[in-house]
Amino acid sequence: TTTEPLSSRYMLGNLGRRYPGCWTFAVDGLVGATPELLLQRNG
């Protein structure tokens, strides 16, 4: 719990700077930085 509003952008910025090799994501309030690529498709 936080005493001020928690911004997704605040978390994304911190995660992206500290873990640039991870995939940083935000979808519908779920925010994180995952090191695991489940699947990529290109053609």
ModelCIF file with pLDDT and N, C-alpha, C, O atoms, coordinates in Angstrom:
data_MODEL
#
_entry.id   MODEL 
#
_entity.id                         1 
_entity.type                       polymer 
_entity.pdbx_number_of_molecules   1 
#
_entity_poly.entity_id                      1 
_entity_poly.type                           'polypeptide(L)' 
_entity_poly.nstd_linkage                   no 
_entity_poly.nstd_monomer                   no 
_entity_poly.pdbx_seq_one_letter_code       TTTEPLSSRYMLGNLGRRYPGCWTFAVDGLVGATPELLLQRNG 
_entity_poly.pdbx_seq_one_letter_code_can   TTTEPLSSRYMLGNLGRRYPGCWTFAVDGLVGATPELLLQRNG 
_entity_poly.pdbx_strand_id                 A 
#
loop_
_entity_poly_seq.entity_id 
_entity_poly_seq.num 
_entity_poly_seq.mon_id 
_entity_poly_seq.hetero 
1 1  THR n 
1 2  THR n 
1 3  THR n 
1 4  GLU n 
1 5  PRO n 
1 6  LEU n 
1 7  SER n 
1 8  SER n 
1 9  ARG n 
1 10 TYR n 
1 11 MET n 
1 12 LEU n 
1 13 GLY n 
1 14 ASN n 
1 15 LEU n 
1 16 GLY n 
1 17 ARG n 
1 18 ARG n 
1 19 TYR n 
1 20 PRO n 
1 21 GLY n 
1 22 CYS n 
1 23 TRP n 
1 24 THR n 
1 25 PHE n 
1 26 ALA n 
1 27 VAL n 
1 28 ASP n 
1 29 GLY n 
1 30 LEU n 
1 31 VAL n 
1 32 GLY n 
1 33 ALA n 
1 34 THR n 
1 35 PRO n 
1 36 GLU n 
1 37 LEU n 
1 38 LEU n 
1 39 LEU n 
1 40 GLN n 
1 41 ARG n 
1 42 ASN n 
1 43 GLY n 
#
_struct_asym.id          A 
_struct_asym.entity_id   1 
#
loop_
_ma_qa_metric.id 
_ma_qa_metric.mode 
_ma_qa_metric.name 
_ma_qa_metric.software_group_id 
_ma_qa_metric.type 
1 global pLDDT . pLDDT 
2 local  pLDDT . pLDDT 
#
_ma_qa_metric_global.metric_id      1 
_ma_qa_metric_global.metric_value   94.93 
_ma_qa_metric_global.model_id       1 
_ma_qa_metric_global.ordinal_id     1 
#
loop_
_ma_qa_metric_local.label_asym_id 
_ma_qa_metric_local.label_comp_id 
_ma_qa_metric_local.label_seq_id 
_ma_qa_metric_local.metric_id 
_ma_qa_metric_local.metric_value 
_ma_qa_metric_local.model_id 
_ma_qa_metric_local.ordinal_id 
A THR 1  2 96.00 1 1  
A THR 2  2 95.00 1 2  
A THR 3  2 94.00 1 3  
A GLU 4  2 92.00 1 4  
A PRO 5  2 91.00 1 5  
A LEU 6  2 92.00 1 6  
A SER 7  2 90.00 1 7  
A SER 8  2 92.00 1 8  
A ARG 9  2 93.00 1 9  
A TYR 10 2 94.00 1 10 
A MET 11 2 95.00 1 11 
A LEU 12 2 95.00 1 12 
A GLY 13 2 94.00 1 13 
A ASN 14 2 96.00 1 14 
A LEU 15 2 96.00 1 15 
A GLY 16 2 94.00 1 16 
A ARG 17 2 94.00 1 17 
A ARG 18 2 93.00 1 18 
A TYR 19 2 94.00 1 19 
A PRO 20 2 94.00 1 20 
A GLY 21 2 93.00 1 21 
A CYS 22 2 95.00 1 22 
A TRP 23 2 97.00 1 23 
A THR 24 2 98.00 1 24 
A PHE 25 2 98.00 1 25 
A ALA 26 2 97.00 1 26 
A VAL 27 2 97.00 1 27 
A ASP 28 2 95.00 1 28 
A GLY 29 2 94.00 1 29 
A LEU 30 2 97.00 1 30 
A VAL 31 2 97.00 1 31 
A GLY 32 2 97.00 1 32 
A ALA 33 2 97.00 1 33 
A THR 34 2 96.00 1 34 
A PRO 35 2 94.00 1 35 
A GLU 36 2 95.00 1 36 
A LEU 37 2 97.00 1 37 
A LEU 38 2 97.00 1 38 
A LEU 39 2 98.00 1 39 
A GLN 40 2 97.00 1 40 
A ARG 41 2 96.00 1 41 
A ASN 42 2 94.00 1 42 
A GLY 43 2 92.00 1 43 
#
loop_
_atom_site.group_PDB 
_atom_site.id 
_atom_site.type_symbol 
_atom_site.label_atom_id 
_atom_site.label_alt_id 
_atom_site.label_comp_id 
_atom_site.label_asym_id 
_atom_site.label_entity_id 
_atom_site.label_seq_id 
_atom_site.pdbx_PDB_ins_code 
_atom_site.Cartn_x 
_atom_site.Cartn_y 
_atom_site.Cartn_z 
_atom_site.occupancy 
_atom_site.B_iso_or_equiv 
_atom_site.pdbx_formal_charge 
_atom_site.auth_seq_id 
_atom_site.auth_comp_id 
_atom_site.auth_asym_id 
_atom_site.auth_atom_id 
_atom_site.pdbx_PDB_model_num 
ATOM 1   N N  . THR A 1 1  ? 0.859  -1.180  0.000   1.00 96.00 ? 1  THR A N  1 
ATOM 2   C CA . THR A 1 1  ? 0.000  0.000   0.000   1.00 96.00 ? 1  THR A CA 1 
ATOM 3   C C  . THR A 1 1  ? 0.898  1.234   0.000   1.00 96.00 ? 1  THR A C  1 
ATOM 4   O O  . THR A 1 1  ? 1.965  1.241   0.615   1.00 96.00 ? 1  THR A O  1 
ATOM 5   N N  . THR A 1 2  ? 0.453  2.268   -0.695  1.00 95.00 ? 2  THR A N  1 
ATOM 6   C CA . THR A 1 2  ? 1.233  3.505   -0.814  1.00 95.00 ? 2  THR A CA 1 
ATOM 7   C C  . THR A 1 2  ? 0.422  4.680   -0.287  1.00 95.00 ? 2  THR A C  1 
ATOM 8   O O  . THR A 1 2  ? -0.808 4.659   -0.305  1.00 95.00 ? 2  THR A O  1 
ATOM 9   N N  . THR A 1 3  ? 1.119  5.694   0.178   1.00 94.00 ? 3  THR A N  1 
ATOM 10  C CA . THR A 1 3  ? 0.432  6.865   0.724   1.00 94.00 ? 3  THR A CA 1 
ATOM 11  C C  . THR A 1 3  ? 0.037  7.862   -0.358  1.00 94.00 ? 3  THR A C  1 
ATOM 12  O O  . THR A 1 3  ? -0.798 8.735   -0.118  1.00 94.00 ? 3  THR A O  1 
ATOM 13  N N  . GLU A 1 4  ? 0.626  7.743   -1.548  1.00 92.00 ? 4  GLU A N  1 
ATOM 14  C CA . GLU A 1 4  ? 0.280  8.586   -2.685  1.00 92.00 ? 4  GLU A CA 1 
ATOM 15  C C  . GLU A 1 4  ? -0.125 7.688   -3.855  1.00 92.00 ? 4  GLU A C  1 
ATOM 16  O O  . GLU A 1 4  ? 0.210  6.503   -3.856  1.00 92.00 ? 4  GLU A O  1 
ATOM 17  N N  . PRO A 1 5  ? -0.842 8.228   -4.856  1.00 91.00 ? 5  PRO A N  1 
ATOM 18  C CA . PRO A 1 5  ? -1.238 7.401   -5.993  1.00 91.00 ? 5  PRO A CA 1 
ATOM 19  C C  . PRO A 1 5  ? -0.028 6.757   -6.673  1.00 91.00 ? 5  PRO A C  1 
ATOM 20  O O  . PRO A 1 5  ? 1.000  7.402   -6.878  1.00 91.00 ? 5  PRO A O  1 
ATOM 21  N N  . LEU A 1 6  ? -0.167 5.492   -7.015  1.00 92.00 ? 6  LEU A N  1 
ATOM 22  C CA . LEU A 1 6  ? 0.891  4.742   -7.678  1.00 92.00 ? 6  LEU A CA 1 
ATOM 23  C C  . LEU A 1 6  ? 0.674  4.790   -9.184  1.00 92.00 ? 6  LEU A C  1 
ATOM 24  O O  . LEU A 1 6  ? -0.355 4.333   -9.682  1.00 92.00 ? 6  LEU A O  1 
ATOM 25  N N  . SER A 1 7  ? 1.641  5.342   -9.908  1.00 90.00 ? 7  SER A N  1 
ATOM 26  C CA . SER A 1 7  ? 1.568  5.452   -11.357 1.00 90.00 ? 7  SER A CA 1 
ATOM 27  C C  . SER A 1 7  ? 2.242  4.257   -12.017 1.00 90.00 ? 7  SER A C  1 
ATOM 28  O O  . SER A 1 7  ? 3.359  3.891   -11.653 1.00 90.00 ? 7  SER A O  1 
ATOM 29  N N  . SER A 1 8  ? 1.561  3.646   -12.992 1.00 92.00 ? 8  SER A N  1 
ATOM 30  C CA . SER A 1 8  ? 2.189  2.585   -13.768 1.00 92.00 ? 8  SER A CA 1 
ATOM 31  C C  . SER A 1 8  ? 3.457  3.072   -14.447 1.00 92.00 ? 8  SER A C  1 
ATOM 32  O O  . SER A 1 8  ? 4.438  2.336   -14.550 1.00 92.00 ? 8  SER A O  1 
ATOM 33  N N  . ARG A 1 9  ? 3.434  4.317   -14.909 1.00 93.00 ? 9  ARG A N  1 
ATOM 34  C CA . ARG A 1 9  ? 4.612  4.866   -15.591 1.00 93.00 ? 9  ARG A CA 1 
ATOM 35  C C  . ARG A 1 9  ? 5.802  4.973   -14.641 1.00 93.00 ? 9  ARG A C  1 
ATOM 36  O O  . ARG A 1 9  ? 6.947  4.799   -15.060 1.00 93.00 ? 9  ARG A O  1 
ATOM 37  N N  . TYR A 1 10 ? 5.542  5.253   -13.380 1.00 94.00 ? 10 TYR A N  1 
ATOM 38  C CA . TYR A 1 10 ? 6.620  5.329   -12.394 1.00 94.00 ? 10 TYR A CA 1 
ATOM 39  C C  . TYR A 1 10 ? 7.302  3.964   -12.263 1.00 94.00 ? 10 TYR A C  1 
ATOM 40  O O  . TYR A 1 10 ? 8.530  3.870   -12.286 1.00 94.00 ? 10 TYR A O  1 
ATOM 41  N N  . MET A 1 11 ? 6.508  2.929   -12.128 1.00 95.00 ? 11 MET A N  1 
ATOM 42  C CA . MET A 1 11 ? 7.069  1.582   -12.018 1.00 95.00 ? 11 MET A CA 1 
ATOM 43  C C  . MET A 1 11 ? 7.770  1.159   -13.300 1.00 95.00 ? 11 MET A C  1 
ATOM 44  O O  . MET A 1 11 ? 8.857  0.583   -13.250 1.00 95.00 ? 11 MET A O  1 
ATOM 45  N N  . LEU A 1 12 ? 7.159  1.439   -14.449 1.00 95.00 ? 12 LEU A N  1 
ATOM 46  C CA . LEU A 1 12 ? 7.753  1.057   -15.726 1.00 95.00 ? 12 LEU A CA 1 
ATOM 47  C C  . LEU A 1 12 ? 9.116  1.710   -15.925 1.00 95.00 ? 12 LEU A C  1 
ATOM 48  O O  . LEU A 1 12 ? 10.066 1.068   -16.372 1.00 95.00 ? 12 LEU A O  1 
ATOM 49  N N  . GLY A 1 13 ? 9.199  2.996   -15.586 1.00 94.00 ? 13 GLY A N  1 
ATOM 50  C CA . GLY A 1 13 ? 10.462 3.704   -15.739 1.00 94.00 ? 13 GLY A CA 1 
ATOM 51  C C  . GLY A 1 13 ? 11.554 3.103   -14.870 1.00 94.00 ? 13 GLY A C  1 
ATOM 52  O O  . GLY A 1 13 ? 12.682 2.918   -15.325 1.00 94.00 ? 13 GLY A O  1 
ATOM 53  N N  . ASN A 1 14 ? 11.221 2.797   -13.617 1.00 96.00 ? 14 ASN A N  1 
ATOM 54  C CA . ASN A 1 14 ? 12.207 2.213   -12.712 1.00 96.00 ? 14 ASN A CA 1 
ATOM 55  C C  . ASN A 1 14 ? 12.635 0.820   -13.163 1.00 96.00 ? 14 ASN A C  1 
ATOM 56  O O  . ASN A 1 14 ? 13.819 0.486   -13.122 1.00 96.00 ? 14 ASN A O  1 
ATOM 57  N N  . LEU A 1 15 ? 11.674 0.011   -13.591 1.00 96.00 ? 15 LEU A N  1 
ATOM 58  C CA . LEU A 1 15 ? 11.999 -1.339  -14.045 1.00 96.00 ? 15 LEU A CA 1 
ATOM 59  C C  . LEU A 1 15 ? 12.834 -1.317  -15.318 1.00 96.00 ? 15 LEU A C  1 
ATOM 60  O O  . LEU A 1 15 ? 13.797 -2.071  -15.453 1.00 96.00 ? 15 LEU A O  1 
ATOM 61  N N  . GLY A 1 16 ? 12.451 -0.433  -16.262 1.00 94.00 ? 16 GLY A N  1 
ATOM 62  C CA . GLY A 1 16 ? 13.175 -0.362  -17.522 1.00 94.00 ? 16 GLY A CA 1 
ATOM 63  C C  . GLY A 1 16 ? 14.623 0.064   -17.345 1.00 94.00 ? 16 GLY A C  1 
ATOM 64  O O  . GLY A 1 16 ? 15.511 -0.428  -18.041 1.00 94.00 ? 16 GLY A O  1 
ATOM 65  N N  . ARG A 1 17 ? 14.860 0.983   -16.410 1.00 94.00 ? 17 ARG A N  1 
ATOM 66  C CA . ARG A 1 17 ? 16.235 1.436   -16.179 1.00 94.00 ? 17 ARG A CA 1 
ATOM 67  C C  . ARG A 1 17 ? 17.080 0.361   -15.504 1.00 94.00 ? 17 ARG A C  1 
ATOM 68  O O  . ARG A 1 17 ? 18.263 0.219   -15.816 1.00 94.00 ? 17 ARG A O  1 
ATOM 69  N N  . ARG A 1 18 ? 16.493 -0.388  -14.590 1.00 93.00 ? 18 ARG A N  1 
ATOM 70  C CA . ARG A 1 18 ? 17.261 -1.370  -13.825 1.00 93.00 ? 18 ARG A CA 1 
ATOM 71  C C  . ARG A 1 18 ? 17.381 -2.718  -14.534 1.00 93.00 ? 18 ARG A C  1 
ATOM 72  O O  . ARG A 1 18 ? 18.329 -3.466  -14.296 1.00 93.00 ? 18 ARG A O  1 
ATOM 73  N N  . TYR A 1 19 ? 16.423 -3.024  -15.401 1.00 94.00 ? 19 TYR A N  1 
ATOM 74  C CA . TYR A 1 19 ? 16.421 -4.326  -16.079 1.00 94.00 ? 19 TYR A CA 1 
ATOM 75  C C  . TYR A 1 19 ? 16.185 -4.146  -17.582 1.00 94.00 ? 19 TYR A C  1 
ATOM 76  O O  . TYR A 1 19 ? 15.175 -4.617  -18.106 1.00 94.00 ? 19 TYR A O  1 
ATOM 77  N N  . PRO A 1 20 ? 17.108 -3.467  -18.283 1.00 94.00 ? 20 PRO A N  1 
ATOM 78  C CA . PRO A 1 20 ? 16.895 -3.184  -19.716 1.00 94.00 ? 20 PRO A CA 1 
ATOM 79  C C  . PRO A 1 20 ? 16.836 -4.440  -20.566 1.00 94.00 ? 20 PRO A C  1 
ATOM 80  O O  . PRO A 1 20 ? 16.249 -4.412  -21.647 1.00 94.00 ? 20 PRO A O  1 
ATOM 81  N N  . GLY A 1 21 ? 17.429 -5.554  -20.111 1.00 93.00 ? 21 GLY A N  1 
ATOM 82  C CA . GLY A 1 21 ? 17.408 -6.785  -20.880 1.00 93.00 ? 21 GLY A CA 1 
ATOM 83  C C  . GLY A 1 21 ? 16.151 -7.603  -20.692 1.00 93.00 ? 21 GLY A C  1 
ATOM 84  O O  . GLY A 1 21 ? 15.965 -8.607  -21.379 1.00 93.00 ? 21 GLY A O  1 
ATOM 85  N N  . CYS A 1 22 ? 15.274 -7.197  -19.770 1.00 95.00 ? 22 CYS A N  1 
ATOM 86  C CA . CYS A 1 22 ? 13.987 -7.864  -19.575 1.00 95.00 ? 22 CYS A CA 1 
ATOM 87  C C  . CYS A 1 22 ? 12.923 -7.198  -20.446 1.00 95.00 ? 22 CYS A C  1 
ATOM 88  O O  . CYS A 1 22 ? 13.112 -6.088  -20.943 1.00 95.00 ? 22 CYS A O  1 
ATOM 89  N N  . TRP A 1 23 ? 11.816 -7.887  -20.618 1.00 97.00 ? 23 TRP A N  1 
ATOM 90  C CA . TRP A 1 23 ? 10.683 -7.325  -21.349 1.00 97.00 ? 23 TRP A CA 1 
ATOM 91  C C  . TRP A 1 23 ? 9.783  -6.614  -20.336 1.00 97.00 ? 23 TRP A C  1 
ATOM 92  O O  . TRP A 1 23 ? 9.131  -7.256  -19.512 1.00 97.00 ? 23 TRP A O  1 
ATOM 93  N N  . THR A 1 24 ? 9.758  -5.289  -20.408 1.00 98.00 ? 24 THR A N  1 
ATOM 94  C CA . THR A 1 24 ? 8.976  -4.490  -19.477 1.00 98.00 ? 24 THR A CA 1 
ATOM 95  C C  . THR A 1 24 ? 7.556  -4.344  -20.027 1.00 98.00 ? 24 THR A C  1 
ATOM 96  O O  . THR A 1 24 ? 7.373  -3.991  -21.192 1.00 98.00 ? 24 THR A O  1 
ATOM 97  N N  . PHE A 1 25 ? 6.560  -4.614  -19.194 1.00 98.00 ? 25 PHE A N  1 
ATOM 98  C CA . PHE A 1 25 ? 5.190  -4.678  -19.699 1.00 98.00 ? 25 PHE A CA 1 
ATOM 99  C C  . PHE A 1 25 ? 4.207  -3.997  -18.764 1.00 98.00 ? 25 PHE A C  1 
ATOM 100 O O  . PHE A 1 25 ? 4.441  -3.866  -17.562 1.00 98.00 ? 25 PHE A O  1 
ATOM 101 N N  . ALA A 1 26 ? 3.095  -3.565  -19.357 1.00 97.00 ? 26 ALA A N  1 
ATOM 102 C CA . ALA A 1 26 ? 1.952  -3.047  -18.599 1.00 97.00 ? 26 ALA A CA 1 
ATOM 103 C C  . ALA A 1 26 ? 0.703  -3.320  -19.410 1.00 97.00 ? 26 ALA A C  1 
ATOM 104 O O  . ALA A 1 26 ? 0.596  -2.880  -20.555 1.00 97.00 ? 26 ALA A O  1 
ATOM 105 N N  . VAL A 1 27 ? -0.245 -4.043  -18.828 1.00 97.00 ? 27 VAL A N  1 
ATOM 106 C CA . VAL A 1 27 ? -1.528 -4.326  -19.474 1.00 97.00 ? 27 VAL A CA 1 
ATOM 107 C C  . VAL A 1 27 ? -2.607 -4.350  -18.397 1.00 97.00 ? 27 VAL A C  1 
ATOM 108 O O  . VAL A 1 27 ? -2.601 -5.217  -17.523 1.00 97.00 ? 27 VAL A O  1 
ATOM 109 N N  . ASP A 1 28 ? -3.514 -3.414  -18.463 1.00 95.00 ? 28 ASP A N  1 
ATOM 110 C CA . ASP A 1 28 ? -4.686 -3.413  -17.588 1.00 95.00 ? 28 ASP A CA 1 
ATOM 111 C C  . ASP A 1 28 ? -4.296 -3.506  -16.117 1.00 95.00 ? 28 ASP A C  1 
ATOM 112 O O  . ASP A 1 28 ? -4.873 -4.291  -15.364 1.00 95.00 ? 28 ASP A O  1 
ATOM 113 N N  . GLY A 1 29 ? -3.316 -2.703  -15.711 1.00 94.00 ? 29 GLY A N  1 
ATOM 114 C CA . GLY A 1 29 ? -2.920 -2.635  -14.315 1.00 94.00 ? 29 GLY A CA 1 
ATOM 115 C C  . GLY A 1 29 ? -1.885 -3.644  -13.887 1.00 94.00 ? 29 GLY A C  1 
ATOM 116 O O  . GLY A 1 29 ? -1.382 -3.549  -12.767 1.00 94.00 ? 29 GLY A O  1 
ATOM 117 N N  . LEU A 1 30 ? -1.536 -4.620  -14.734 1.00 97.00 ? 30 LEU A N  1 
ATOM 118 C CA . LEU A 1 30 ? -0.473 -5.573  -14.422 1.00 97.00 ? 30 LEU A CA 1 
ATOM 119 C C  . LEU A 1 30 ? 0.834  -5.023  -14.986 1.00 97.00 ? 30 LEU A C  1 
ATOM 120 O O  . LEU A 1 30 ? 0.971  -4.853  -16.197 1.00 97.00 ? 30 LEU A O  1 
ATOM 121 N N  . VAL A 1 31 ? 1.789  -4.748  -14.107 1.00 97.00 ? 31 VAL A N  1 
ATOM 122 C CA . VAL A 1 31 ? 3.023  -4.056  -14.486 1.00 97.00 ? 31 VAL A CA 1 
ATOM 123 C C  . VAL A 1 31 ? 4.210  -4.884  -14.016 1.00 97.00 ? 31 VAL A C  1 
ATOM 124 O O  . VAL A 1 31 ? 4.233  -5.349  -12.876 1.00 97.00 ? 31 VAL A O  1 
ATOM 125 N N  . GLY A 1 32 ? 5.202  -5.071  -14.893 1.00 97.00 ? 32 GLY A N  1 
ATOM 126 C CA . GLY A 1 32 ? 6.361  -5.840  -14.474 1.00 97.00 ? 32 GLY A CA 1 
ATOM 127 C C  . GLY A 1 32 ? 7.474  -5.829  -15.505 1.00 97.00 ? 32 GLY A C  1 
ATOM 128 O O  . GLY A 1 32 ? 7.407  -5.127  -16.514 1.00 97.00 ? 32 GLY A O  1 
ATOM 129 N N  . ALA A 1 33 ? 8.500  -6.623  -15.229 1.00 97.00 ? 33 ALA A N  1 
ATOM 130 C CA . ALA A 1 33 ? 9.644  -6.789  -16.131 1.00 97.00 ? 33 ALA A CA 1 
ATOM 131 C C  . ALA A 1 33 ? 10.019 -8.261  -16.108 1.00 97.00 ? 33 ALA A C  1 
ATOM 132 O O  . ALA A 1 33 ? 10.612 -8.732  -15.138 1.00 97.00 ? 33 ALA A O  1 
ATOM 133 N N  . THR A 1 34 ? 9.683  -8.987  -17.152 1.00 96.00 ? 34 THR A N  1 
ATOM 134 C CA . THR A 1 34 ? 9.917  -10.420 -17.169 1.00 96.00 ? 34 THR A CA 1 
ATOM 135 C C  . THR A 1 34 ? 11.184 -10.773 -17.930 1.00 96.00 ? 34 THR A C  1 
ATOM 136 O O  . THR A 1 34 ? 11.430 -10.218 -19.000 1.00 96.00 ? 34 THR A O  1 
ATOM 137 N N  . PRO A 1 35 ? 11.990 -11.680 -17.406 1.00 94.00 ? 35 PRO A N  1 
ATOM 138 C CA . PRO A 1 35 ? 13.167 -12.129 -18.137 1.00 94.00 ? 35 PRO A CA 1 
ATOM 139 C C  . PRO A 1 35 ? 12.861 -13.274 -19.096 1.00 94.00 ? 35 PRO A C  1 
ATOM 140 O O  . PRO A 1 35 ? 13.748 -13.720 -19.824 1.00 94.00 ? 35 PRO A O  1 
ATOM 141 N N  . GLU A 1 36 ? 11.620 -13.754 -19.107 1.00 95.00 ? 36 GLU A N  1 
ATOM 142 C CA . GLU A 1 36 ? 11.284 -14.969 -19.845 1.00 95.00 ? 36 GLU A CA 1 
ATOM 143 C C  . GLU A 1 36 ? 10.357 -14.673 -21.020 1.00 95.00 ? 36 GLU A C  1 
ATOM 144 O O  . GLU A 1 36 ? 9.224  -14.228 -20.838 1.00 95.00 ? 36 GLU A O  1 
ATOM 145 N N  . LEU A 1 37 ? 10.862 -14.930 -22.236 1.00 97.00 ? 37 LEU A N  1 
ATOM 146 C CA . LEU A 1 37 ? 10.066 -14.788 -23.452 1.00 97.00 ? 37 LEU A CA 1 
ATOM 147 C C  . LEU A 1 37 ? 9.375  -16.112 -23.726 1.00 97.00 ? 37 LEU A C  1 
ATOM 148 O O  . LEU A 1 37 ? 10.023 -17.090 -24.100 1.00 97.00 ? 37 LEU A O  1 
ATOM 149 N N  . LEU A 1 38 ? 8.075  -16.147 -23.544 1.00 97.00 ? 38 LEU A N  1 
ATOM 150 C CA . LEU A 1 38 ? 7.334  -17.381 -23.767 1.00 97.00 ? 38 LEU A CA 1 
ATOM 151 C C  . LEU A 1 38 ? 7.349  -17.750 -25.244 1.00 97.00 ? 38 LEU A C  1 
ATOM 152 O O  . LEU A 1 38 ? 7.667  -18.885 -25.601 1.00 97.00 ? 38 LEU A O  1 
ATOM 153 N N  . LEU A 1 39 ? 7.004  -16.790 -26.103 1.00 98.00 ? 39 LEU A N  1 
ATOM 154 C CA . LEU A 1 39 ? 6.942  -17.087 -27.532 1.00 98.00 ? 39 LEU A CA 1 
ATOM 155 C C  . LEU A 1 39 ? 6.930  -15.810 -28.353 1.00 98.00 ? 39 LEU A C  1 
ATOM 156 O O  . LEU A 1 39 ? 6.231  -14.850 -28.030 1.00 98.00 ? 39 LEU A O  1 
ATOM 157 N N  . GLN A 1 40 ? 7.717  -15.817 -29.422 1.00 97.00 ? 40 GLN A N  1 
ATOM 158 C CA . GLN A 1 40 ? 7.711  -14.735 -30.410 1.00 97.00 ? 40 GLN A CA 1 
ATOM 159 C C  . GLN A 1 40 ? 7.437  -15.351 -31.767 1.00 97.00 ? 40 GLN A C  1 
ATOM 160 O O  . GLN A 1 40 ? 8.009  -16.384 -32.115 1.00 97.00 ? 40 GLN A O  1 
ATOM 161 N N  . ARG A 1 41 ? 6.556  -14.714 -32.540 1.00 96.00 ? 41 ARG A N  1 
ATOM 162 C CA . ARG A 1 41 ? 6.290  -15.167 -33.909 1.00 96.00 ? 41 ARG A CA 1 
ATOM 163 C C  . ARG A 1 41 ? 6.502  -14.011 -34.867 1.00 96.00 ? 41 ARG A C  1 
ATOM 164 O O  . ARG A 1 41 ? 5.976  -12.915 -34.671 1.00 96.00 ? 41 ARG A O  1 
ATOM 165 N N  . ASN A 1 42 ? 7.285  -14.274 -35.912 1.00 94.00 ? 42 ASN A N  1 
ATOM 166 C CA . ASN A 1 42 ? 7.523  -13.311 -36.988 1.00 94.00 ? 42 ASN A CA 1 
ATOM 167 C C  . ASN A 1 42 ? 7.440  -14.077 -38.295 1.00 94.00 ? 42 ASN A C  1 
ATOM 168 O O  . ASN A 1 42 ? 8.411  -14.705 -38.717 1.00 94.00 ? 42 ASN A O  1 
ATOM 169 N N  . GLY A 1 43 ? 6.272  -14.027 -38.939 1.00 92.00 ? 43 GLY A N  1 
ATOM 170 C CA . GLY A 1 43 ? 6.057  -14.847 -40.122 1.00 92.00 ? 43 GLY A CA 1 
ATOM 171 C C  . GLY A 1 43 ? 6.052  -16.318 -39.741 1.00 92.00 ? 43 GLY A C  1 
ATOM 172 O O  . GLY A 1 43 ? 5.883  -17.179 -40.604 1.00 92.00 ? 43 GLY A O  1 
#
